[in-house]
Amino acid sequence: MTGKKGELYEQLCQCIEYFEKHRGRMRYGLYRKMGMTIGSGAPSKACTSG
């Protein structure tokens, strides 16, 4: 593919590869059940408060 469609296809392939590679880290439902926070909001706030 060439042009804009080719660029979009490449970006899509990169996203798919990323999610396949990092799938084991993306178990958010399990992490929430364990009481873990998801995202960087809480740690970021803790670092700036004080």
PDB file of N, CA and C in Angstrom:
ATOM      1  N   MET A   1       0.829  -1.181   0.000  1.00  0.00           N
ATOM      2  CA  MET A   1       0.000   0.000   0.000  1.00  0.00           C
ATOM      3  C   MET A   1       0.875   1.246   0.000  1.00  0.00           C
ATOM      4  N   THR A   2       0.347   2.271  -0.603  1.00  0.00           N
ATOM      5  CA  THR A   2       1.085   3.529  -0.644  1.00  0.00           C
ATOM      6  C   THR A   2       0.184   4.675  -0.211  1.00  0.00           C
ATOM      7  N   GLY A   3       0.802   5.797   0.044  1.00  0.00           N
ATOM      8  CA  GLY A   3       0.043   6.985   0.410  1.00  0.00           C
ATOM      9  C   GLY A   3      -0.529   6.908   1.807  1.00  0.00           C
ATOM     10  N   LYS A   4      -1.622   7.624   2.008  1.00  0.00           N
ATOM     11  CA  LYS A   4      -2.258   7.735   3.323  1.00  0.00           C
ATOM     12  C   LYS A   4      -2.720   6.378   3.835  1.00  0.00           C
ATOM     13  N   LYS A   5      -3.287   5.544   2.947  1.00  0.00           N
ATOM     14  CA  LYS A   5      -3.741   4.212   3.376  1.00  0.00           C
ATOM     15  C   LYS A   5      -2.571   3.359   3.837  1.00  0.00           C
ATOM     16  N   GLY A   6      -1.453   3.483   3.162  1.00  0.00           N
ATOM     17  CA  GLY A   6      -0.268   2.740   3.549  1.00  0.00           C
ATOM     18  C   GLY A   6       0.246   3.163   4.913  1.00  0.00           C
ATOM     19  N   GLU A   7       0.218   4.462   5.176  1.00  0.00           N
ATOM     20  CA  GLU A   7       0.660   4.990   6.472  1.00  0.00           C
ATOM     21  C   GLU A   7      -0.264   4.501   7.583  1.00  0.00           C
ATOM     22  N   LEU A   8      -1.565   4.559   7.327  1.00  0.00           N
ATOM     23  CA  LEU A   8      -2.535   4.106   8.327  1.00  0.00           C
ATOM     24  C   LEU A   8      -2.382   2.616   8.600  1.00  0.00           C
ATOM     25  N   TYR A   9      -2.140   1.856   7.537  1.00  0.00           N
ATOM     26  CA  TYR A   9      -1.946   0.418   7.686  1.00  0.00           C
ATOM     27  C   TYR A   9      -0.719   0.127   8.555  1.00  0.00           C
ATOM     28  N   GLU A  10       0.358   0.847   8.314  1.00  0.00           N
ATOM     29  CA  GLU A  10       1.580   0.661   9.100  1.00  0.00           C
ATOM     30  C   GLU A  10       1.343   1.006  10.568  1.00  0.00           C
ATOM     31  N   GLN A  11       0.625   2.102  10.819  1.00  0.00           N
ATOM     32  CA  GLN A  11       0.323   2.492  12.195  1.00  0.00           C
ATOM     33  C   GLN A  11      -0.537   1.433  12.879  1.00  0.00           C
ATOM     34  N   LEU A  12      -1.512   0.911  12.152  1.00  0.00           N
ATOM     35  CA  LEU A  12      -2.365  -0.135  12.701  1.00  0.00           C
ATOM     36  C   LEU A  12      -1.550  -1.384  13.038  1.00  0.00           C
ATOM     37  N   CYS A  13      -0.656  -1.772  12.158  1.00  0.00           N
ATOM     38  CA  CYS A  13       0.199  -2.936  12.412  1.00  0.00           C
ATOM     39  C   CYS A  13       1.078  -2.721  13.642  1.00  0.00           C
ATOM     40  N   GLN A  14       1.604  -1.516  13.805  1.00  0.00           N
ATOM     41  CA  GLN A  14       2.430  -1.209  14.977  1.00  0.00           C
ATOM     42  C   GLN A  14       1.611  -1.296  16.261  1.00  0.00           C
ATOM     43  N   CYS A  15       0.379  -0.803  16.225  1.00  0.00           N
ATOM     44  CA  CYS A  15      -0.490  -0.881  17.405  1.00  0.00           C
ATOM     45  C   CYS A  15      -0.800  -2.327  17.756  1.00  0.00           C
ATOM     46  N   ILE A  16      -1.120  -3.122  16.767  1.00  0.00           N
ATOM     47  CA  ILE A  16      -1.427  -4.534  17.000  1.00  0.00           C
ATOM     48  C   ILE A  16      -0.221  -5.245  17.594  1.00  0.00           C
ATOM     49  N   GLU A  17       0.948  -4.999  17.039  1.00  0.00           N
ATOM     50  CA  GLU A  17       2.169  -5.610  17.561  1.00  0.00           C
ATOM     51  C   GLU A  17       2.415  -5.202  19.002  1.00  0.00           C
ATOM     52  N   TYR A  18       2.191  -3.931  19.329  1.00  0.00           N
ATOM     53  CA  TYR A  18       2.395  -3.446  20.693  1.00  0.00           C
ATOM     54  C   TYR A  18       1.471  -4.184  21.656  1.00  0.00           C
ATOM     55  N   PHE A  19       0.185  -4.254  21.311  1.00  0.00           N
ATOM     56  CA  PHE A  19      -0.764  -4.903  22.205  1.00  0.00           C
ATOM     57  C   PHE A  19      -0.483  -6.394  22.343  1.00  0.00           C
ATOM     58  N   GLU A  20      -0.068  -7.044  21.265  1.00  0.00           N
ATOM     59  CA  GLU A  20       0.285  -8.460  21.357  1.00  0.00           C
ATOM     60  C   GLU A  20       1.508  -8.661  22.248  1.00  0.00           C
ATOM     61  N   LYS A  21       2.488  -7.785  22.127  1.00  0.00           N
ATOM     62  CA  LYS A  21       3.722  -7.893  22.905  1.00  0.00           C
ATOM     63  C   LYS A  21       3.487  -7.635  24.393  1.00  0.00           C
ATOM     64  N   HIS A  22       2.589  -6.715  24.717  1.00  0.00           N
ATOM     65  CA  HIS A  22       2.382  -6.288  26.101  1.00  0.00           C
ATOM     66  C   HIS A  22       1.072  -6.796  26.706  1.00  0.00           C
ATOM     67  N   ARG A  23       0.455  -7.752  26.068  1.00  0.00           N
ATOM     68  CA  ARG A  23      -0.830  -8.286  26.523  1.00  0.00           C
ATOM     69  C   ARG A  23      -0.792  -8.732  27.979  1.00  0.00           C
ATOM     70  N   GLY A  24       0.273  -9.351  28.406  1.00  0.00           N
ATOM     71  CA  GLY A  24       0.401  -9.851  29.767  1.00  0.00           C
ATOM     72  C   GLY A  24       0.383  -8.762  30.826  1.00  0.00           C
ATOM     73  N   ARG A  25       0.747  -7.548  30.445  1.00  0.00           N
ATOM     74  CA  ARG A  25       0.748  -6.427  31.387  1.00  0.00           C
ATOM     75  C   ARG A  25      -0.596  -5.723  31.437  1.00  0.00           C
ATOM     76  N   MET A  26      -1.486  -6.041  30.524  1.00  0.00           N
ATOM     77  CA  MET A  26      -2.753  -5.313  30.391  1.00  0.00           C
ATOM     78  C   MET A  26      -3.922  -6.104  30.976  1.00  0.00           C
ATOM     79  N   ARG A  27      -3.751  -6.574  32.165  1.00  0.00           N
ATOM     80  CA  ARG A  27      -4.794  -7.352  32.821  1.00  0.00           C
ATOM     81  C   ARG A  27      -5.517  -6.468  33.833  1.00  0.00           C
ATOM     82  N   TYR A  28      -6.101  -5.385  33.339  1.00  0.00           N
ATOM     83  CA  TYR A  28      -6.654  -4.343  34.196  1.00  0.00           C
ATOM     84  C   TYR A  28      -7.794  -4.835  35.079  1.00  0.00           C
ATOM     85  N   GLY A  29      -8.651  -5.707  34.571  1.00  0.00           N
ATOM     86  CA  GLY A  29      -9.729  -6.241  35.391  1.00  0.00           C
ATOM     87  C   GLY A  29      -9.190  -6.955  36.623  1.00  0.00           C
ATOM     88  N   LEU A  30      -8.174  -7.773  36.441  1.00  0.00           N
ATOM     89  CA  LEU A  30      -7.546  -8.485  37.552  1.00  0.00           C
ATOM     90  C   LEU A  30      -6.903  -7.509  38.521  1.00  0.00           C
ATOM     91  N   TYR A  31      -6.214  -6.520  37.979  1.00  0.00           N
ATOM     92  CA  TYR A  31      -5.542  -5.548  38.841  1.00  0.00           C
ATOM     93  C   TYR A  31      -6.542  -4.774  39.689  1.00  0.00           C
ATOM     94  N   ARG A  32      -7.673  -4.407  39.098  1.00  0.00           N
ATOM     95  CA  ARG A  32      -8.711  -3.691  39.864  1.00  0.00           C
ATOM     96  C   ARG A  32      -9.280  -4.579  40.959  1.00  0.00           C
ATOM     97  N   LYS A  33      -9.505  -5.861  40.650  1.00  0.00           N
ATOM     98  CA  LYS A  33     -10.015  -6.783  41.670  1.00  0.00           C
ATOM     99  C   LYS A  33      -9.041  -6.913  42.829  1.00  0.00           C
ATOM    100  N   MET A  34      -7.762  -6.750  42.548  1.00  0.00           N
ATOM    101  CA  MET A  34      -6.737  -6.832  43.584  1.00  0.00           C
ATOM    102  C   MET A  34      -6.592  -5.508  44.333  1.00  0.00           C
ATOM    103  N   GLY A  35      -7.367  -4.490  43.941  1.00  0.00           N
ATOM    104  CA  GLY A  35      -7.317  -3.200  44.613  1.00  0.00           C
ATOM    105  C   GLY A  35      -6.206  -2.285  44.139  1.00  0.00           C
ATOM    106  N   MET A  36      -5.588  -2.633  43.040  1.00  0.00           N
ATOM    107  CA  MET A  36      -4.494  -1.811  42.524  1.00  0.00           C
ATOM    108  C   MET A  36      -5.059  -0.636  41.727  1.00  0.00           C
ATOM    109  N   THR A  37      -4.354   0.483  41.751  1.00  0.00           N
ATOM    110  CA  THR A  37      -4.784   1.633  40.960  1.00  0.00           C
ATOM    111  C   THR A  37      -4.314   1.457  39.523  1.00  0.00           C
ATOM    112  N   ILE A  38      -5.095   1.984  38.620  1.00  0.00           N
ATOM    113  CA  ILE A  38      -4.767   1.908  37.200  1.00  0.00           C
ATOM    114  C   ILE A  38      -4.495   3.323  36.718  1.00  0.00           C
ATOM    115  N   GLY A  39      -3.382   3.522  36.049  1.00  0.00           N
ATOM    116  CA  GLY A  39      -3.032   4.838  35.541  1.00  0.00           C
ATOM    117  C   GLY A  39      -1.998   5.512  36.409  1.00  0.00           C
ATOM    118  N   SER A  40      -1.660   6.722  36.048  1.00  0.00           N
ATOM    119  CA  SER A  40      -0.592   7.420  36.754  1.00  0.00           C
ATOM    120  C   SER A  40      -1.110   8.556  37.634  1.00  0.00           C
ATOM    121  N   GLY A  41      -2.421   8.729  37.724  1.00  0.00           N
ATOM    122  CA  GLY A  41      -2.979   9.843  38.495  1.00  0.00           C
ATOM    123  C   GLY A  41      -2.585   9.838  39.958  1.00  0.00           C
ATOM    124  N   ALA A  42      -2.781   8.721  40.649  1.00  0.00           N
ATOM    125  CA  ALA A  42      -2.475   8.657  42.088  1.00  0.00           C
ATOM    126  C   ALA A  42      -0.989   8.845  42.367  1.00  0.00           C
ATOM    127  N   PRO A  43      -0.079   8.139  41.697  1.00  0.00           N
ATOM    128  CA  PRO A  43       1.347   8.359  41.967  1.00  0.00           C
ATOM    129  C   PRO A  43       1.784   9.784  41.625  1.00  0.00           C
ATOM    130  N   SER A  44       1.231  10.311  40.549  1.00  0.00           N
ATOM    131  CA  SER A  44       1.611  11.658  40.142  1.00  0.00           C
ATOM    132  C   SER A  44       1.178  12.671  41.184  1.00  0.00           C
ATOM    133  N   LYS A  45      -0.036  12.504  41.681  1.00  0.00           N
ATOM    134  CA  LYS A  45      -0.534  13.420  42.719  1.00  0.00           C
ATOM    135  C   LYS A  45       0.306  13.299  43.988  1.00  0.00           C
ATOM    136  N   ALA A  46       0.687  12.084  44.354  1.00  0.00           N
ATOM    137  CA  ALA A  46       1.494  11.870  45.552  1.00  0.00           C
ATOM    138  C   ALA A  46       2.852  12.553  45.441  1.00  0.00           C
ATOM    139  N   CYS A  47       3.396  12.579  44.235  1.00  0.00           N
ATOM    140  CA  CYS A  47       4.710  13.208  44.030  1.00  0.00           C
ATOM    141  C   CYS A  47       4.629  14.728  44.064  1.00  0.00           C
ATOM    142  N   THR A  48       3.489  15.296  43.684  1.00  0.00           N
ATOM    143  CA  THR A  48       3.392  16.755  43.620  1.00  0.00           C
ATOM    144  C   THR A  48       2.797  17.333  44.913  1.00  0.00           C
ATOM    145  N   SER A  49       2.174  16.511  45.741  1.00  0.00           N
ATOM    146  CA  SER A  49       1.633  17.000  47.004  1.00  0.00           C
ATOM    147  C   SER A  49       2.734  16.958  48.054  1.00  0.00           C
ATOM    148  N   GLY A  50       2.708  17.900  48.900  1.00  0.00           N
ATOM    149  CA  GLY A  50       3.679  17.762  49.970  1.00  0.00           C
ATOM    150  C   GLY A  50       4.372  18.949  50.338  1.00  0.00           C
TER     151      GLY A  50
END
